[in-house]
Amino acid sequence: MKIKIFLIVFFLFFFVPFFINADELEQITKELEGLKKDLNNKEKNYQELNQKLNNIKIKFNNLGLEINKKEQEVKKGEQALAYQKSLLNQRTISFYKNINKNNNYFLNIFFGSDFYNSLSDFFYQQKLVNQDKDTIVKIVLYIKNLEEIKKRLETEKIQLAQLKEEIDNQTKILNQQIIQTRSKIAQLTAKQQELIAKKFSSIYIPRSANVSYSCKPDYNPKDGSLKDSGFSPKFGFFTFGVPNRVGMSQWGAYGRAKAGQNEEEILRAYYNFDSLESVDTNIKIKVDGYGEYTIEEYVKRIYEVPNSWFLDGFSALKAQAIATRSYVLAYTNNGQRSICATEYCQVFKPEPKGGPWEQAVNETLGKVMKKDGQIIKAWFSSTHGGYVFSSGEIGWSTTSWTKNTKDTTGEVNSFSDLFSRAYDKDSPIFYCNWGSRSQYNNTAWLKSQEVADIVNVLLLAKTDSSTSRYLYQIDAGGDVWDEEKVKQELKKRGTNPFNNINNITVSVDFSFGKTTSISFFGDAGNVNFDGKEFKDWFNARAPSNIQIRGPLYNIEIK
């Protein structure tokens, strides 16, 4: 068996082309240099530059996969190395023994009584000596080759790391230039913001994982299911997770628990804290409309996560119990003020939840998270969409215990990575297009000309900000310009309006978790908008209650 393994590994290192082509690394480097020159030109086609950068990233990722494959092969070679060294020792000893024997046979040729047998023995022994010598040379070359391979791989990994840093840098520069070279971002009017607020309030988006609610998206990439709107092509605007991404993702915690993480590992994934400590369990908590409870009795009445998670994710319940206890004590200043009983604080009911939840509360008796000696306000919500933000990044006060991080099992470079690697990917609201229209089978799909209208509205607002007061949702009523009026006003200002959109590309910062820009292609050419700017105007103009609800969104065309 050992000889078989040796032969396989030997063949691998001496007959299989091992190193990646140096030209590939050089080619990527040249393409990056070309991209940098293009970025310095006064006239830039950002869509073309984005495509060039994406092609570079694809080549880079392929090289990374190739190097990983070679590393695995080197590990196999190292595993066989001990046997090869042992074989070298054996062959060396055999070599010297056979040389001595061969000398004796050589003398027998001249001084022995049987010339022909002595000559035959001499040539046979010489053959054994040659075999030993060939084997020794091959093993020595194998060992030397393995060392050279390891050195080359280390060099290639360093080169690849430098390339990644440069690619990341050029991605940031390109995104910044796209934003900086556009005309100033069109500001929403007070009326538009009011209409958006009403649209948002018309749809219930659960903040708690315990709510048995699913968005039932018009398209589900997990199983390929597709709701028919009655028209084609159709455009869907899909958001990852819910708007609040600060602190613990409850579905993410459940995914981590199923992966074998304990409650402290789960909590440290979402919060910066120094230690888990126990507090006085006699502290009283005042709940609006329900009276007063000791801290432990209060926590036993919180309905934030399903008891069913006990079966394969009990540590998620324990993490939630500690987060719940920490949040209420920080929120109320150790019981000095009251707390509400809804999702805006923590879901409270007068009856103890019982079952596995009560077990989780009892097993974490009095435990809270502390940072710099203070109990942290441990925010949490149902589903973050694979990313966690710090409090300052969503407009709240900056805090030391919240963090920005990816909530995934590995690196994310695409939407497909996010669907497969996000810890909260099994949440029923992980990927959703929010809103619907009854006349189109209760879907949120938009027609090509409807998307063109939203694009035209944003173009007009950026061309002439004084028109903004007329640019909001048509079906909201009031002094609003319809599709044809918007086109006319664009033409007056020297801009060709879109009648149809036939393609859309989405650019995403997967390191941070937000859609950075959107490019639209149609009968009037192509145009690019900042991701947040487009989202805001989409929400102001899109019909019915159709809306984008977070910083990371995708557009599906079916």
Protein backbone atom coordinates (compact mmCIF):
# COMPACT_ATOMS: atom_id res chain seq x y z
CA MET A 1 0.00 0.00 0.00
CA LYS A 2 2.85 2.43 0.91
CA ILE A 3 4.60 1.72 -2.38
CA LYS A 4 1.36 2.45 -4.24
CA ILE A 5 0.96 5.81 -2.43
CA PHE A 6 4.60 6.67 -3.17
CA LEU A 7 4.19 5.92 -6.88
CA ILE A 8 1.05 8.08 -7.10
CA VAL A 9 2.70 11.02 -5.35
CA PHE A 10 5.91 10.52 -7.34
CA PHE A 11 3.94 10.64 -10.59
CA LEU A 12 2.15 13.79 -9.37
CA PHE A 13 5.36 15.72 -8.79
CA PHE A 14 7.40 14.55 -11.80
CA PHE A 15 4.90 14.12 -14.63
CA VAL A 16 2.02 16.56 -13.91
CA PRO A 17 2.54 20.27 -14.80
CA PHE A 18 2.52 21.79 -11.35
CA PHE A 19 2.96 25.54 -11.35
CA ILE A 20 0.44 28.08 -12.52
CA ASN A 21 1.49 29.91 -15.64
CA ALA A 22 3.48 32.99 -14.67
CA ASP A 23 1.94 34.68 -17.72
CA GLU A 24 -1.46 34.56 -16.00
CA LEU A 25 -0.23 36.59 -13.03
CA GLU A 26 1.53 38.97 -15.40
CA GLN A 27 -1.60 39.29 -17.54
CA ILE A 28 -3.79 40.22 -14.56
CA THR A 29 -1.18 42.76 -13.47
CA LYS A 30 -1.14 44.30 -16.97
CA GLU A 31 -4.94 44.45 -17.06
CA LEU A 32 -4.95 46.24 -13.70
CA GLU A 33 -2.42 48.74 -15.02
CA GLY A 34 -4.63 49.32 -18.05
CA LEU A 35 -7.64 49.82 -15.80
CA LYS A 36 -5.74 52.43 -13.78
CA LYS A 37 -4.93 54.34 -16.97
CA ASP A 38 -8.57 54.19 -18.06
CA LEU A 39 -9.65 55.59 -14.68
CA ASN A 40 -7.43 58.62 -15.28
CA ASN A 41 -9.05 59.45 -18.61
CA LYS A 42 -11.43 62.39 -18.65
CA GLU A 43 -14.04 60.52 -20.66
CA LYS A 44 -14.97 57.28 -18.95
CA ASN A 45 -17.49 54.58 -19.74
CA TYR A 46 -18.11 53.31 -16.23
CA GLN A 47 -20.12 50.33 -17.39
CA GLU A 48 -17.18 49.20 -19.54
CA LEU A 49 -14.72 49.78 -16.69
CA ASN A 50 -16.95 47.80 -14.31
CA GLN A 51 -16.97 44.92 -16.78
CA LYS A 52 -13.18 45.03 -17.11
CA LEU A 53 -12.80 44.97 -13.34
CA ASN A 54 -15.25 42.06 -13.02
CA ASN A 55 -13.29 40.09 -15.66
CA ILE A 56 -10.08 40.71 -13.69
CA LYS A 57 -11.78 39.47 -10.53
CA ILE A 58 -12.93 36.28 -12.28
CA LYS A 59 -9.38 35.54 -13.48
CA PHE A 60 -8.02 36.31 -10.02
CA ASN A 61 -10.51 33.94 -8.35
CA ASN A 62 -9.61 31.18 -10.82
CA LEU A 63 -5.92 31.59 -9.99
CA GLY A 64 -6.74 31.42 -6.30
CA LEU A 65 -8.61 28.15 -6.81
CA GLU A 66 -5.66 26.75 -8.79
CA ILE A 67 -3.18 27.65 -6.06
CA ASN A 68 -5.43 26.08 -3.42
CA LYS A 69 -5.49 22.90 -5.48
CA LYS A 70 -1.70 22.85 -5.69
CA GLU A 71 -1.43 23.40 -1.94
CA GLN A 72 -3.51 20.29 -1.36
CA GLU A 73 -1.22 18.35 -3.67
CA VAL A 74 1.83 19.58 -1.75
CA LYS A 75 0.23 18.39 1.49
CA LYS A 76 -0.17 14.94 -0.04
CA GLY A 77 3.50 15.05 -1.02
CA GLU A 78 4.53 15.99 2.51
CA GLN A 79 2.44 13.15 3.94
CA ALA A 80 4.45 10.70 1.79
CA LEU A 81 7.78 12.35 2.63
CA ALA A 82 8.51 10.29 5.78
CA TYR A 83 8.16 7.05 3.84
CA GLN A 84 10.32 8.38 1.02
CA LYS A 85 13.13 9.30 3.45
CA SER A 86 12.93 5.84 5.00
CA LEU A 87 13.11 4.33 1.51
CA LEU A 88 16.12 6.53 0.74
CA ASN A 89 17.96 5.16 3.80
CA GLN A 90 17.14 1.59 2.80
CA ARG A 91 18.28 2.12 -0.78
CA THR A 92 21.51 3.82 0.31
CA ILE A 93 22.42 0.87 2.56
CA SER A 94 21.49 -1.56 -0.21
CA PHE A 95 23.56 0.45 -2.70
CA TYR A 96 26.77 0.16 -0.66
CA LYS A 97 26.19 -3.52 0.13
CA ASN A 98 25.65 -4.31 -3.55
CA ILE A 99 28.79 -2.35 -4.54
CA ASN A 100 30.86 -4.46 -2.16
CA LYS A 101 29.32 -7.65 -3.49
CA ASN A 102 29.93 -6.50 -7.02
CA ASN A 103 33.63 -5.95 -6.26
CA ASN A 104 33.84 -9.53 -5.02
CA TYR A 105 32.13 -10.85 -8.16
CA PHE A 106 34.51 -8.79 -10.27
CA LEU A 107 37.54 -10.46 -8.61
CA ASN A 108 35.95 -13.89 -9.08
CA ILE A 109 35.92 -13.30 -12.82
CA PHE A 110 39.71 -13.32 -12.85
CA PHE A 111 40.56 -15.57 -9.95
CA GLY A 112 37.54 -17.86 -9.59
CA SER A 113 37.23 -21.32 -11.00
CA ASP A 114 33.88 -20.72 -12.82
CA PHE A 115 34.38 -17.78 -15.23
CA TYR A 116 30.94 -17.80 -16.85
CA ASN A 117 28.95 -17.97 -13.57
CA SER A 118 31.17 -15.29 -12.04
CA LEU A 119 30.56 -13.03 -15.05
CA SER A 120 26.79 -13.61 -14.83
CA ASP A 121 26.81 -12.85 -11.10
CA PHE A 122 28.82 -9.69 -11.76
CA PHE A 123 26.36 -8.30 -14.33
CA TYR A 124 23.34 -9.20 -12.16
CA GLN A 125 24.89 -7.46 -9.16
CA GLN A 126 25.78 -4.45 -11.35
CA LYS A 127 22.11 -4.24 -12.35
CA LEU A 128 21.07 -4.14 -8.68
CA VAL A 129 23.61 -1.39 -8.02
CA ASN A 130 22.25 0.65 -10.94
CA GLN A 131 18.66 0.18 -9.76
CA ASP A 132 19.60 1.38 -6.25
CA LYS A 133 21.44 4.36 -7.73
CA ASP A 134 18.48 5.33 -9.96
CA THR A 135 16.05 5.07 -7.04
CA ILE A 136 18.31 7.17 -4.78
CA VAL A 137 18.60 9.88 -7.45
CA LYS A 138 14.84 9.97 -8.02
CA ILE A 139 14.04 10.20 -4.30
CA VAL A 140 16.61 12.96 -3.76
CA LEU A 141 15.18 14.84 -6.75
CA TYR A 142 11.67 14.32 -5.36
CA ILE A 143 12.61 15.84 -2.00
CA LYS A 144 14.41 18.73 -3.69
CA ASN A 145 11.50 19.28 -6.06
CA LEU A 146 9.01 19.34 -3.18
CA GLU A 147 11.01 22.07 -1.44
CA GLU A 148 11.17 24.11 -4.65
CA ILE A 149 7.44 23.69 -5.15
CA LYS A 150 6.71 24.93 -1.63
CA LYS A 151 8.91 28.00 -2.17
CA ARG A 152 7.23 28.76 -5.50
CA LEU A 153 3.78 28.40 -3.97
CA GLU A 154 4.66 30.82 -1.18
CA THR A 155 5.87 33.34 -3.78
CA GLU A 156 2.69 32.92 -5.80
CA LYS A 157 0.53 33.35 -2.69
CA ILE A 158 2.35 36.59 -1.87
CA GLN A 159 1.83 37.81 -5.45
CA LEU A 160 -1.83 36.85 -5.27
CA ALA A 161 -2.28 38.72 -1.98
CA GLN A 162 -0.70 41.82 -3.52
CA LEU A 163 -3.00 41.52 -6.52
CA LYS A 164 -6.05 41.22 -4.26
CA GLU A 165 -5.07 44.37 -2.40
CA GLU A 166 -4.67 46.23 -5.70
CA ILE A 167 -7.99 44.88 -7.06
CA ASP A 168 -9.79 45.95 -3.87
CA ASN A 169 -8.17 49.38 -4.13
CA GLN A 170 -9.22 49.84 -7.76
CA THR A 171 -12.76 48.72 -6.90
CA LYS A 172 -12.99 51.47 -4.27
CA ILE A 173 -11.52 54.07 -6.63
CA LEU A 174 -13.95 53.14 -9.40
CA ASN A 175 -16.97 53.29 -7.08
CA GLN A 176 -15.83 56.64 -5.70
CA GLN A 177 -15.31 58.11 -9.17
CA ILE A 178 -18.70 56.89 -10.34
CA ILE A 179 -20.33 58.75 -7.46
CA GLN A 180 -18.14 61.87 -7.64
CA THR A 181 -18.57 62.47 -11.38
CA ARG A 182 -22.35 62.31 -11.32
CA SER A 183 -24.40 65.45 -10.88
CA LYS A 184 -25.40 66.12 -7.31
CA ILE A 185 -27.77 63.63 -5.75
CA ALA A 186 -31.37 64.69 -6.15
CA GLN A 187 -32.98 65.33 -2.77
CA LEU A 188 -36.40 63.97 -1.91
CA THR A 189 -39.02 66.51 -0.92
CA ALA A 190 -40.84 66.40 2.41
CA LYS A 191 -43.97 65.16 0.63
CA GLN A 192 -42.04 62.33 -1.04
CA GLN A 193 -40.52 61.30 2.30
CA GLU A 194 -43.97 61.33 3.87
CA LEU A 195 -45.35 59.11 1.10
CA ILE A 196 -42.44 56.69 1.49
CA ALA A 197 -43.07 56.49 5.24
CA LYS A 198 -46.73 55.61 4.58
CA LYS A 199 -45.67 53.01 2.00
CA PHE A 200 -43.28 51.43 4.50
CA SER A 201 -45.91 51.28 7.21
CA SER A 202 -48.34 49.51 4.87
CA ILE A 203 -46.27 46.32 4.97
CA TYR A 204 -45.49 44.39 8.11
CA ILE A 205 -41.82 43.39 8.19
CA PRO A 206 -41.18 41.29 11.30
CA ARG A 207 -38.27 42.24 13.52
CA SER A 208 -38.66 39.10 15.58
CA ALA A 209 -37.79 35.58 14.42
CA ASN A 210 -40.66 34.17 16.49
CA VAL A 211 -43.24 35.60 14.09
CA SER A 212 -44.48 32.92 11.69
CA TYR A 213 -44.21 35.16 8.66
CA SER A 214 -42.77 34.58 5.21
CA CYS A 215 -42.51 37.15 2.48
CA LYS A 216 -43.19 34.49 -0.20
CA PRO A 217 -41.06 36.22 -2.84
CA ASP A 218 -42.10 36.37 -6.48
CA TYR A 219 -38.90 34.53 -7.32
CA ASN A 220 -37.07 32.09 -5.06
CA PRO A 221 -33.49 31.36 -6.19
CA LYS A 222 -33.29 28.38 -3.83
CA ASP A 223 -35.90 26.31 -5.64
CA GLY A 224 -36.37 28.33 -8.84
CA SER A 225 -40.07 28.94 -8.15
CA LEU A 226 -41.52 31.91 -10.02
CA LYS A 227 -44.84 33.74 -9.63
CA ASP A 228 -46.52 34.68 -12.89
CA SER A 229 -47.44 38.35 -13.25
CA GLY A 230 -49.15 37.98 -16.60
CA PHE A 231 -46.54 39.99 -18.50
CA SER A 232 -42.97 39.61 -19.69
CA PRO A 233 -40.26 40.71 -19.35
CA LYS A 234 -40.71 41.48 -15.68
CA PHE A 235 -38.39 43.22 -13.23
CA GLY A 236 -38.22 42.40 -9.51
CA PHE A 237 -36.41 44.41 -6.82
CA PHE A 238 -35.28 42.08 -4.03
CA THR A 239 -33.89 43.11 -0.62
CA PHE A 240 -31.61 40.97 1.56
CA GLY A 241 -32.79 40.88 5.18
CA VAL A 242 -34.52 43.63 7.14
CA PRO A 243 -33.33 47.25 7.52
CA ASN A 244 -31.92 46.93 11.05
CA ARG A 245 -28.66 44.98 10.88
CA VAL A 246 -27.19 46.03 14.23
CA GLY A 247 -26.23 43.37 16.77
CA MET A 248 -27.38 39.77 16.62
CA SER A 249 -29.23 38.27 13.69
CA GLN A 250 -31.61 35.77 15.29
CA TRP A 251 -31.73 33.55 12.21
CA GLY A 252 -27.98 33.95 11.93
CA ALA A 253 -27.60 32.79 15.53
CA TYR A 254 -29.75 29.77 14.70
CA GLY A 255 -27.52 28.97 11.69
CA ARG A 256 -24.43 29.25 13.88
CA ALA A 257 -25.99 27.00 16.53
CA LYS A 258 -26.71 24.36 13.90
CA ALA A 259 -23.06 24.64 12.85
CA GLY A 260 -22.02 23.69 16.40
CA GLN A 261 -21.25 27.08 17.95
CA ASN A 262 -22.05 27.59 21.65
CA GLU A 263 -23.82 30.65 23.04
CA GLU A 264 -20.65 32.63 23.77
CA GLU A 265 -19.23 31.98 20.29
CA ILE A 266 -22.52 33.14 18.79
CA LEU A 267 -22.62 36.32 20.87
CA ARG A 268 -19.00 37.21 20.09
CA ALA A 269 -19.81 36.94 16.39
CA TYR A 270 -22.24 39.86 16.76
CA TYR A 271 -21.00 41.97 19.69
CA ASN A 272 -17.74 43.35 21.04
CA PHE A 273 -17.76 42.59 24.76
CA ASP A 274 -15.17 41.84 27.41
CA SER A 275 -16.88 39.14 29.43
CA LEU A 276 -20.05 37.32 30.42
CA GLU A 277 -20.89 38.18 34.00
CA SER A 278 -23.75 37.49 36.41
CA VAL A 279 -26.01 40.23 37.78
CA ASP A 280 -28.37 40.44 40.73
CA THR A 281 -31.43 38.40 39.73
CA ASN A 282 -33.64 40.43 42.11
CA ILE A 283 -33.53 43.53 39.89
CA LYS A 284 -37.09 44.59 39.01
CA ILE A 285 -38.18 45.46 35.46
CA LYS A 286 -41.22 47.67 34.78
CA VAL A 287 -43.08 46.75 31.58
CA ASP A 288 -45.43 49.31 30.04
CA GLY A 289 -49.01 48.15 30.60
CA TYR A 290 -48.06 44.99 32.52
CA GLY A 291 -46.49 45.95 35.82
CA GLU A 292 -43.25 44.83 37.42
CA TYR A 293 -41.24 41.58 37.29
CA THR A 294 -37.86 40.37 38.50
CA ILE A 295 -35.29 40.25 35.71
CA GLU A 296 -35.51 36.44 35.34
CA GLU A 297 -39.33 36.41 35.35
CA TYR A 298 -39.26 39.16 32.75
CA VAL A 299 -36.90 37.22 30.45
CA LYS A 300 -39.08 34.10 30.74
CA ARG A 301 -41.94 36.12 29.21
CA ILE A 302 -40.03 37.23 26.09
CA TYR A 303 -41.27 35.79 22.78
CA GLU A 304 -38.43 36.57 20.37
CA VAL A 305 -37.32 33.18 18.98
CA PRO A 306 -39.18 29.89 18.32
CA ASN A 307 -39.04 27.09 20.88
CA SER A 308 -38.69 24.69 17.94
CA TRP A 309 -35.07 25.80 17.56
CA PHE A 310 -34.36 23.67 20.63
CA LEU A 311 -34.13 20.57 18.44
CA ASP A 312 -30.98 21.55 16.56
CA GLY A 313 -30.07 25.02 17.82
CA PHE A 314 -30.46 25.24 21.59
CA SER A 315 -27.38 27.45 21.94
CA ALA A 316 -29.21 30.09 19.84
CA LEU A 317 -31.92 30.21 22.54
CA LYS A 318 -29.27 30.62 25.23
CA ALA A 319 -27.58 33.40 23.25
CA GLN A 320 -30.95 35.13 22.88
CA ALA A 321 -31.60 34.83 26.63
CA ILE A 322 -28.28 36.56 27.42
CA ALA A 323 -28.89 39.24 24.77
CA THR A 324 -32.43 39.81 26.08
CA ARG A 325 -31.23 40.19 29.66
CA SER A 326 -28.40 42.53 28.61
CA TYR A 327 -30.66 44.68 26.46
CA VAL A 328 -33.37 45.25 29.05
CA LEU A 329 -30.93 46.10 31.83
CA ALA A 330 -29.05 48.56 29.60
CA TYR A 331 -32.29 50.01 28.18
CA THR A 332 -33.89 50.57 31.60
CA ASN A 333 -30.65 51.50 33.40
CA ASN A 334 -30.94 48.48 35.70
CA GLY A 335 -34.69 48.94 36.14
CA GLN A 336 -34.72 52.71 36.66
CA ARG A 337 -37.18 53.25 33.79
CA SER A 338 -39.78 51.12 32.02
CA ILE A 339 -39.63 49.23 28.73
CA CYS A 340 -42.27 48.70 26.02
CA ALA A 341 -43.72 45.25 25.29
CA THR A 342 -43.55 45.28 21.46
CA GLU A 343 -41.01 44.51 18.75
CA TYR A 344 -39.75 48.08 19.09
CA CYS A 345 -38.20 46.93 22.39
CA GLN A 346 -38.62 43.21 23.04
CA VAL A 347 -41.74 41.09 22.46
CA PHE A 348 -43.25 40.58 25.94
CA LYS A 349 -46.36 38.61 26.94
CA PRO A 350 -47.78 38.23 30.46
CA GLU A 351 -47.64 34.42 30.34
CA PRO A 352 -44.24 32.70 30.64
CA LYS A 353 -43.22 31.12 27.36
CA GLY A 354 -42.10 27.92 29.07
CA GLY A 355 -40.53 24.90 27.40
CA PRO A 356 -37.02 25.10 25.91
CA TRP A 357 -37.01 28.90 26.23
CA GLU A 358 -37.42 28.71 30.00
CA GLN A 359 -34.69 26.07 30.09
CA ALA A 360 -32.38 28.43 28.18
CA VAL A 361 -33.18 31.25 30.62
CA ASN A 362 -32.46 29.01 33.61
CA GLU A 363 -29.20 27.71 32.17
CA THR A 364 -27.96 31.29 31.62
CA LEU A 365 -29.22 32.56 34.98
CA GLY A 366 -28.23 36.21 35.49
CA LYS A 367 -25.70 36.26 32.64
CA VAL A 368 -25.13 39.49 30.72
CA MET A 369 -22.50 40.88 28.37
CA LYS A 370 -20.25 43.67 29.66
CA LYS A 371 -17.95 46.06 27.86
CA ASP A 372 -15.66 48.37 29.84
CA GLY A 373 -17.53 47.40 32.99
CA GLN A 374 -20.97 48.32 31.59
CA ILE A 375 -23.81 46.07 30.42
CA ILE A 376 -24.18 46.48 26.67
CA LYS A 377 -27.44 47.38 24.93
CA ALA A 378 -27.54 44.18 22.88
CA TRP A 379 -29.66 45.10 19.86
CA PHE A 380 -30.89 42.24 17.71
CA SER A 381 -33.40 41.54 14.95
CA SER A 382 -34.72 38.71 12.85
CA THR A 383 -32.60 38.64 9.69
CA HIS A 384 -29.57 40.67 8.61
CA GLY A 385 -29.08 39.24 5.12
CA GLY A 386 -25.55 37.99 5.76
CA TYR A 387 -24.10 41.26 7.13
CA VAL A 388 -23.87 43.07 10.46
CA PHE A 389 -23.51 46.86 10.80
CA SER A 390 -22.24 48.94 13.69
CA SER A 391 -24.73 51.36 15.20
CA GLY A 392 -22.98 54.42 13.74
CA GLU A 393 -23.27 53.04 10.20
CA ILE A 394 -27.06 53.20 10.19
CA GLY A 395 -27.31 56.69 11.69
CA TRP A 396 -27.48 55.76 15.39
CA SER A 397 -24.95 56.87 17.99
CA THR A 398 -21.57 55.18 17.60
CA THR A 399 -20.99 52.43 20.18
CA SER A 400 -17.97 50.32 21.08
CA TRP A 401 -19.87 47.06 21.40
CA THR A 402 -21.49 46.92 17.94
CA LYS A 403 -19.46 45.75 14.97
CA ASN A 404 -19.31 45.59 11.20
CA THR A 405 -18.79 42.06 9.95
CA LYS A 406 -19.95 39.46 7.45
CA ASP A 407 -22.30 36.88 8.94
CA THR A 408 -21.19 34.09 6.61
CA THR A 409 -19.27 30.82 6.60
CA GLY A 410 -16.65 32.15 4.18
CA GLU A 411 -15.77 34.90 1.73
CA VAL A 412 -18.58 36.45 -0.31
CA ASN A 413 -17.86 37.67 -3.85
CA SER A 414 -21.26 37.18 -5.45
CA PHE A 415 -24.95 36.81 -4.72
CA SER A 416 -24.63 33.05 -5.15
CA ASP A 417 -21.97 33.02 -2.41
CA LEU A 418 -24.38 34.90 -0.16
CA PHE A 419 -27.22 32.44 -0.81
CA SER A 420 -25.01 29.49 0.10
CA ARG A 421 -22.84 30.95 2.90
CA ALA A 422 -24.98 33.38 4.94
CA TYR A 423 -25.76 31.99 8.39
CA ASP A 424 -29.30 33.42 8.18
CA LYS A 425 -29.97 32.09 4.66
CA ASP A 426 -32.85 29.88 5.91
CA SER A 427 -34.84 32.85 7.19
CA PRO A 428 -38.21 33.25 5.41
CA ILE A 429 -37.37 36.92 4.83
CA PHE A 430 -33.74 36.49 3.74
CA TYR A 431 -34.47 37.51 0.11
CA CYS A 432 -37.71 39.28 -0.62
CA ASN A 433 -39.37 41.72 -3.00
CA TRP A 434 -41.70 43.71 -0.75
CA GLY A 435 -45.15 44.81 -1.85
CA SER A 436 -47.72 43.64 -4.40
CA ARG A 437 -50.46 44.63 -6.85
CA SER A 438 -53.72 42.70 -7.07
CA GLN A 439 -54.08 43.25 -10.84
CA TYR A 440 -50.87 41.31 -11.45
CA ASN A 441 -51.51 38.17 -9.43
CA ASN A 442 -50.51 39.90 -6.17
CA THR A 443 -46.91 40.19 -7.33
CA ALA A 444 -44.43 43.05 -7.08
CA TRP A 445 -43.06 42.64 -10.61
CA LEU A 446 -42.72 45.82 -12.68
CA LYS A 447 -43.02 46.23 -16.45
CA SER A 448 -40.17 47.48 -18.60
CA GLN A 449 -41.88 50.83 -19.19
CA GLU A 450 -42.55 51.22 -15.46
CA VAL A 451 -38.86 50.79 -14.69
CA ALA A 452 -38.10 53.26 -17.52
CA ASP A 453 -40.43 55.78 -15.85
CA ILE A 454 -38.56 55.50 -12.53
CA VAL A 455 -35.27 56.02 -14.38
CA ASN A 456 -36.74 59.06 -16.19
CA VAL A 457 -37.99 60.52 -12.91
CA LEU A 458 -34.52 60.31 -11.37
CA LEU A 459 -32.91 61.76 -14.51
CA LEU A 460 -35.31 64.70 -14.42
CA ALA A 461 -34.80 65.32 -10.71
CA LYS A 462 -31.02 65.36 -11.25
CA THR A 463 -31.32 67.61 -14.31
CA ASP A 464 -33.68 70.09 -12.66
CA SER A 465 -34.22 69.76 -8.90
CA SER A 466 -37.14 72.20 -9.03
CA THR A 467 -39.26 69.47 -10.67
CA SER A 468 -38.92 67.15 -7.65
CA ARG A 469 -42.21 68.29 -6.10
CA TYR A 470 -44.08 66.72 -9.07
CA LEU A 471 -42.13 63.45 -9.07
CA TYR A 472 -43.68 60.94 -6.75
CA GLN A 473 -45.98 57.93 -6.85
CA ILE A 474 -48.64 58.39 -9.55
CA ASP A 475 -51.32 56.34 -7.78
CA ALA A 476 -50.93 58.47 -4.63
CA GLY A 477 -52.94 61.27 -6.25
CA GLY A 478 -52.23 64.99 -6.06
CA ASP A 479 -50.23 67.25 -8.37
CA VAL A 480 -47.98 64.53 -9.77
CA TRP A 481 -46.57 64.20 -13.30
CA ASP A 482 -47.38 60.99 -15.13
CA GLU A 483 -45.03 59.03 -17.41
CA GLU A 484 -45.69 61.07 -20.55
CA LYS A 485 -45.34 64.40 -18.76
CA VAL A 486 -41.98 63.33 -17.31
CA LYS A 487 -40.77 62.38 -20.81
CA GLN A 488 -41.87 65.76 -22.20
CA GLU A 489 -40.07 67.65 -19.44
CA LEU A 490 -36.88 65.67 -20.03
CA LYS A 491 -36.98 66.46 -23.76
CA LYS A 492 -37.44 70.17 -22.96
CA ARG A 493 -34.20 70.00 -20.99
CA GLY A 494 -32.27 68.28 -23.78
CA THR A 495 -32.34 64.73 -22.40
CA ASN A 496 -33.68 61.74 -24.31
CA PRO A 497 -36.12 59.80 -22.09
CA PHE A 498 -36.33 56.01 -21.89
CA ASN A 499 -39.42 54.24 -23.21
CA ASN A 500 -38.18 50.78 -22.31
CA ILE A 501 -35.46 49.19 -20.21
CA ASN A 502 -34.10 45.89 -21.52
CA ASN A 503 -31.25 45.18 -19.13
CA ILE A 504 -29.92 46.16 -15.69
CA THR A 505 -26.60 45.46 -13.99
CA VAL A 506 -26.07 45.71 -10.24
CA SER A 507 -22.72 46.59 -8.64
CA VAL A 508 -22.26 45.50 -5.03
CA ASP A 509 -19.67 46.03 -2.33
CA PHE A 510 -19.71 42.46 -0.98
CA SER A 511 -17.14 43.30 1.69
CA PHE A 512 -19.56 45.78 3.29
CA GLY A 513 -22.93 44.47 2.14
CA LYS A 514 -24.52 47.23 0.10
CA THR A 515 -25.56 47.88 -3.46
CA THR A 516 -23.22 50.62 -4.73
CA SER A 517 -24.56 51.41 -8.19
CA ILE A 518 -27.17 50.42 -10.76
CA SER A 519 -26.75 50.63 -14.55
CA PHE A 520 -29.80 50.71 -16.84
CA PHE A 521 -29.78 49.91 -20.57
CA GLY A 522 -32.61 50.75 -22.92
CA ASP A 523 -33.71 52.56 -26.04
CA ALA A 524 -32.11 55.84 -24.84
CA GLY A 525 -28.71 54.29 -24.19
CA ASN A 526 -27.43 53.58 -20.70
CA VAL A 527 -27.28 55.46 -17.42
CA ASN A 528 -25.77 54.75 -14.01
CA PHE A 529 -27.04 55.77 -10.55
CA ASP A 530 -25.74 55.54 -7.01
CA GLY A 531 -27.33 52.54 -5.25
CA LYS A 532 -28.84 54.48 -2.34
CA GLU A 533 -30.00 57.33 -4.57
CA PHE A 534 -31.85 54.95 -6.87
CA LYS A 535 -33.38 53.06 -3.93
CA ASP A 536 -34.79 56.29 -2.45
CA TRP A 537 -36.34 57.41 -5.74
CA PHE A 538 -37.60 53.94 -6.50
CA ASN A 539 -39.48 53.99 -3.20
CA ALA A 540 -40.87 57.44 -4.01
CA ARG A 541 -42.12 56.52 -7.51
CA ALA A 542 -42.83 52.76 -7.60
CA PRO A 543 -46.57 51.95 -7.70
CA SER A 544 -48.73 50.54 -4.93
CA ASN A 545 -46.68 49.57 -1.86
CA ILE A 546 -43.75 48.07 -3.80
CA GLN A 547 -40.49 48.99 -2.09
CA ILE A 548 -36.78 48.28 -1.49
CA ARG A 549 -36.11 48.01 2.25
CA GLY A 550 -32.38 47.76 2.82
CA PRO A 551 -28.93 48.79 1.59
CA LEU A 552 -28.28 45.46 -0.16
CA TYR A 553 -30.65 44.62 -2.98
CA ASN A 554 -30.66 42.82 -6.31
CA ILE A 555 -32.75 43.12 -9.47
CA GLU A 556 -34.16 40.02 -11.13
CA ILE A 557 -35.28 40.04 -14.78
CA LYS A 558 -37.56 37.20 -15.88
